[in-house]
Protein backbone atom coordinates (compact mmCIF):
# COMPACT_ATOMS: atom_id res chain seq x y z
CA MET A 1 27.51 19.77 3.16
CA VAL A 2 25.66 16.53 3.78
CA LYS A 3 23.07 15.14 1.34
CA ILE A 4 19.73 14.45 2.99
CA GLU A 5 16.92 12.21 1.65
CA LEU A 6 14.37 10.90 4.14
CA LYS A 7 10.68 10.79 5.12
CA THR A 8 9.31 12.92 7.91
CA THR A 9 6.16 14.66 9.10
CA LEU A 10 5.25 18.25 8.09
CA GLU A 11 5.34 19.21 11.81
CA ARG A 12 8.86 17.97 12.35
CA PHE A 13 10.04 19.90 9.31
CA ARG A 14 8.21 22.99 10.54
CA GLN A 15 9.91 22.64 13.92
CA PHE A 16 13.31 22.36 12.11
CA ILE A 17 12.67 25.60 10.17
CA ILE A 18 11.62 27.39 13.44
CA LEU A 19 14.76 26.17 15.19
CA ASN A 20 16.98 27.36 12.32
CA THR A 21 15.34 30.75 11.90
CA CYS A 22 13.07 32.28 14.53
CA ARG A 23 12.91 30.18 17.73
CA SER A 24 14.08 33.12 19.91
CA PHE A 25 11.27 35.50 18.83
CA ILE A 26 8.32 33.35 17.45
CA PRO A 27 5.11 34.18 19.44
CA PRO A 28 4.28 31.22 21.77
CA GLY A 29 0.82 30.88 20.17
CA TYR A 30 2.43 30.55 16.74
CA LEU A 31 4.89 27.99 18.01
CA LYS A 32 2.05 25.74 19.26
CA ASP A 33 -0.14 26.05 16.15
CA PRO A 34 0.96 23.55 13.46
CA SER A 35 -0.81 25.56 10.77
CA ILE A 36 1.45 28.67 11.24
CA PHE A 37 4.75 28.73 9.32
CA PRO A 38 7.52 31.21 8.96
CA GLU A 39 8.30 32.49 5.44
CA ARG A 40 11.16 34.68 4.28
CA ASP A 41 12.07 36.48 1.01
CA SER A 42 14.85 34.93 -1.16
CA SER A 43 17.20 37.91 -0.49
CA GLN A 44 17.42 36.70 3.16
CA GLY A 45 17.47 32.94 2.44
CA LEU A 46 14.21 31.62 1.08
CA ILE A 47 11.52 29.96 3.11
CA TYR A 48 8.42 29.31 1.11
CA VAL A 49 5.26 27.23 1.89
CA GLU A 50 3.23 25.87 -1.06
CA ALA A 51 -0.30 25.41 0.26
CA VAL A 52 -3.87 25.32 -1.04
CA SER A 53 -4.66 28.23 1.26
CA LYS A 54 -2.31 30.79 2.87
CA ILE A 55 -3.08 33.93 4.99
CA ASP A 56 -0.43 36.50 6.10
CA LEU A 57 -0.61 37.01 9.88
CA GLU A 58 2.28 39.34 10.82
CA ARG A 59 5.93 40.24 10.10
CA ILE A 60 8.60 40.03 12.81
CA ARG A 61 12.12 41.00 11.79
CA ASP A 62 12.80 39.33 8.43
CA ILE A 63 10.18 36.58 9.01
CA ARG A 64 6.57 36.76 7.76
CA PHE A 65 4.26 34.35 9.58
CA VAL A 66 1.51 32.69 7.53
CA LYS A 67 -1.47 30.46 8.45
CA VAL A 68 -1.75 27.70 5.94
CA ALA A 69 -4.08 24.79 5.01
CA GLU A 70 -3.18 21.63 3.02
CA VAL A 71 0.59 22.09 2.60
CA LEU A 72 1.95 20.51 -0.62
CA GLY A 73 5.62 21.51 -0.17
CA VAL A 74 8.06 23.68 1.78
CA ILE A 75 11.35 25.17 0.56
CA TYR A 76 14.05 26.10 2.98
CA LYS A 77 17.36 27.82 1.97
CA SER A 78 19.58 29.24 4.70
CA LYS A 79 20.94 32.77 4.62
CA SER A 80 24.45 31.40 4.18
CA GLY A 81 23.37 29.22 1.30
CA ASN A 82 24.89 26.14 3.02
CA THR A 83 21.49 24.49 3.57
CA ASP A 84 18.94 23.85 0.80
CA LEU A 85 16.17 21.50 1.77
CA ARG A 86 12.72 20.78 0.27
CA TRP A 87 9.87 18.91 1.90
CA ARG A 88 7.36 17.41 -0.54
CA GLN A 89 4.04 15.82 0.51
CA ILE A 90 3.75 12.12 -0.07
CA ARG A 91 0.47 11.40 1.76
CA GLY A 92 -1.28 13.61 4.28
CA VAL A 93 1.20 15.14 6.61
CA VAL A 94 4.03 12.71 5.66
CA GLY A 95 6.53 13.93 3.10
CA LYS A 96 10.07 13.47 1.88
CA VAL A 97 12.91 15.88 2.63
CA VAL A 98 15.61 16.15 -0.03
CA GLY A 99 18.69 18.48 -0.28
CA GLU A 100 21.82 19.49 1.40
CA ALA A 101 22.35 20.49 5.08
CA SER A 102 25.14 22.28 6.96
CA PRO A 103 26.49 20.91 10.28
CA ASN A 104 24.29 23.42 12.14
CA SER A 105 21.17 22.32 10.17
CA ILE A 106 22.10 18.68 10.95
CA VAL A 107 21.96 19.47 14.66
CA ASN A 108 18.53 21.14 14.24
CA LEU A 109 17.31 18.29 12.05
CA ILE A 110 18.14 15.90 14.90
CA GLU A 111 16.65 18.26 17.58
CA SER A 112 13.41 18.62 15.71
CA GLY A 113 13.05 14.79 15.11
CA VAL A 114 13.46 14.97 11.37
CA LEU A 115 16.70 12.97 11.54
CA PRO A 116 16.44 10.11 14.03
CA LYS A 117 19.29 9.98 16.58
CA SER A 118 19.50 6.22 16.10
CA SER A 119 20.34 6.72 12.44
CA VAL A 120 23.03 9.28 13.28
CA LYS A 121 24.57 6.86 15.84
CA LYS A 122 24.72 4.13 13.13
CA MET A 123 26.34 6.47 10.72
CA LEU A 124 28.93 7.59 13.28
CA GLN A 125 29.67 3.99 14.31
CA GLN A 126 30.31 2.98 10.71
CA PHE A 127 32.38 6.10 10.16
CA THR A 128 34.43 5.33 13.25
CA SER A 129 35.00 1.63 12.42
CA GLU A 130 36.01 2.48 8.86
CA SER A 131 38.50 5.11 10.25
CA VAL A 132 40.00 2.61 12.64
CA ARG A 133 40.55 0.18 9.74
CA GLY A 134 42.46 2.95 7.95
CA GLU A 135 40.13 3.17 5.02
CA ASP A 136 40.01 6.48 3.18
CA ILE A 137 36.66 8.16 4.04
CA GLY A 138 35.76 11.11 1.92
CA GLN A 139 32.63 13.19 1.72
CA ASP A 140 31.12 10.74 -0.74
CA SER A 141 31.08 8.01 1.95
CA VAL A 142 29.28 10.28 4.37
CA ASP A 143 26.85 11.46 1.75
CA ASP A 144 26.11 7.88 0.74
CA GLU A 145 25.42 6.92 4.35
CA LEU A 146 23.10 9.84 4.96
CA SER A 147 21.09 9.09 1.85
CA ASN A 148 20.64 5.44 2.96
CA ASP A 149 17.13 4.18 3.59
CA SER A 150 18.20 3.68 7.21
CA PHE A 151 17.22 7.39 7.61
CA THR A 152 13.76 6.80 6.29
CA GLU A 153 11.00 6.86 8.89
CA SER A 154 7.67 5.19 8.51
């Protein structure tokens, strides 16, 4: 797993959760509405939205869709347990994502815009150049690079 620590918008993190959990069956109206989030019980891999106001809309499969206002935080844990990410509000709709992500979740973090492609390219270039020089690169090196401020968006 790769450690993640970066700033992103609430909407980008919402899109990441949707990509990871319910993209194939979320109603189109819910997908377009930034105030509607998926939630899931911890027995299936926890998704929880901490908000000032929350209204249950409907349940589809193992996902409960909720309409929220003033989100303070979001917890996402995958069914496999390989991804555990938390978004915490910093100011307005900007927050900080902290945790660990699986390779599949990394792809979805990139796809949703949470993890900028340019930062991933920089990390891969550094990883490749260090490998060519014959340096021993372990998980710690990858984790250190991912937690770098280079992944922080303004």
